[in-house]
Amino acid sequence: MWVWVYLVLFVSSGCASLVITKKAIGWAGRWGFLDRPGERKIHSTTRPRLGGIGICGGVFISA
């Protein structure tokens, strides 16, 4: 029985993380929280910097 509880928590955490991460990426572009390429960077395009908020948000919602 506890397996189902853990499975539901795991799936809900994953779904919440996906939704919040997509929102956070949009917010990063709108608010200017972007990592621009430079000499010491390996990426060649601008990347958002708020993706970790979505992961933390998903964990906190499921806890």
Protein backbone atom coordinates (compact mmCIF):
# COMPACT_ATOMS: atom_id res chain seq x y z
CA MET A 1 0.00 0.00 0.00
CA TRP A 2 2.79 2.47 0.81
CA VAL A 3 4.25 1.88 -2.63
CA TRP A 4 1.23 3.61 -4.19
CA VAL A 5 1.61 6.60 -1.89
CA TYR A 6 5.26 6.99 -2.84
CA LEU A 7 4.43 6.51 -6.52
CA VAL A 8 1.76 9.22 -6.40
CA LEU A 9 4.14 11.60 -4.61
CA PHE A 10 6.90 10.90 -7.14
CA VAL A 11 4.64 11.45 -10.15
CA SER A 12 3.03 14.59 -8.70
CA SER A 13 6.45 16.01 -7.86
CA GLY A 14 7.65 15.35 -11.41
CA CYS A 15 4.58 16.92 -12.99
CA ALA A 16 4.74 19.97 -10.73
CA SER A 17 8.44 20.38 -11.51
CA LEU A 18 7.79 20.28 -15.25
CA VAL A 19 5.03 22.87 -15.07
CA ILE A 20 6.90 25.24 -12.75
CA THR A 21 10.16 24.89 -14.72
CA LYS A 22 8.40 25.87 -17.95
CA LYS A 23 6.92 28.92 -16.18
CA ALA A 24 10.30 29.83 -14.63
CA ILE A 25 12.00 29.71 -18.03
CA GLY A 26 9.42 32.17 -19.36
CA TRP A 27 9.86 34.42 -16.34
CA ALA A 28 13.64 34.36 -16.78
CA GLY A 29 13.32 35.68 -20.31
CA ARG A 30 10.83 38.34 -19.31
CA TRP A 31 12.75 39.55 -16.25
CA GLY A 32 16.23 39.31 -17.76
CA PHE A 33 17.65 36.45 -15.68
CA LEU A 34 19.66 35.09 -18.58
CA ASP A 35 23.16 33.64 -18.85
CA ARG A 36 24.83 35.06 -21.91
CA PRO A 37 27.70 33.26 -23.69
CA GLY A 38 31.21 34.46 -23.12
CA GLU A 39 34.83 33.36 -23.15
CA ARG A 40 34.50 31.04 -20.18
CA LYS A 41 31.07 29.60 -21.11
CA ILE A 42 30.51 26.46 -23.15
CA HIS A 43 27.06 27.39 -24.50
CA SER A 44 26.70 29.45 -27.67
CA THR A 45 23.20 30.83 -27.06
CA THR A 46 21.50 32.66 -24.20
CA ARG A 47 20.24 30.33 -21.44
CA PRO A 48 17.68 31.02 -18.67
CA ARG A 49 18.91 30.93 -15.08
CA LEU A 50 15.71 30.15 -13.13
CA GLY A 51 15.26 26.45 -13.96
CA GLY A 52 16.23 25.29 -10.46
CA ILE A 53 13.27 27.14 -8.99
CA GLY A 54 10.95 24.76 -10.82
CA ILE A 55 12.64 21.70 -9.40
CA CYS A 56 12.58 23.07 -5.85
CA GLY A 57 8.97 24.15 -6.28
CA GLY A 58 7.92 20.66 -7.35
CA VAL A 59 9.61 19.10 -4.34
CA PHE A 60 8.07 21.61 -1.93
CA ILE A 61 4.59 21.11 -3.37
CA SER A 62 4.83 17.34 -2.94
CA ALA A 63 6.26 17.47 0.56
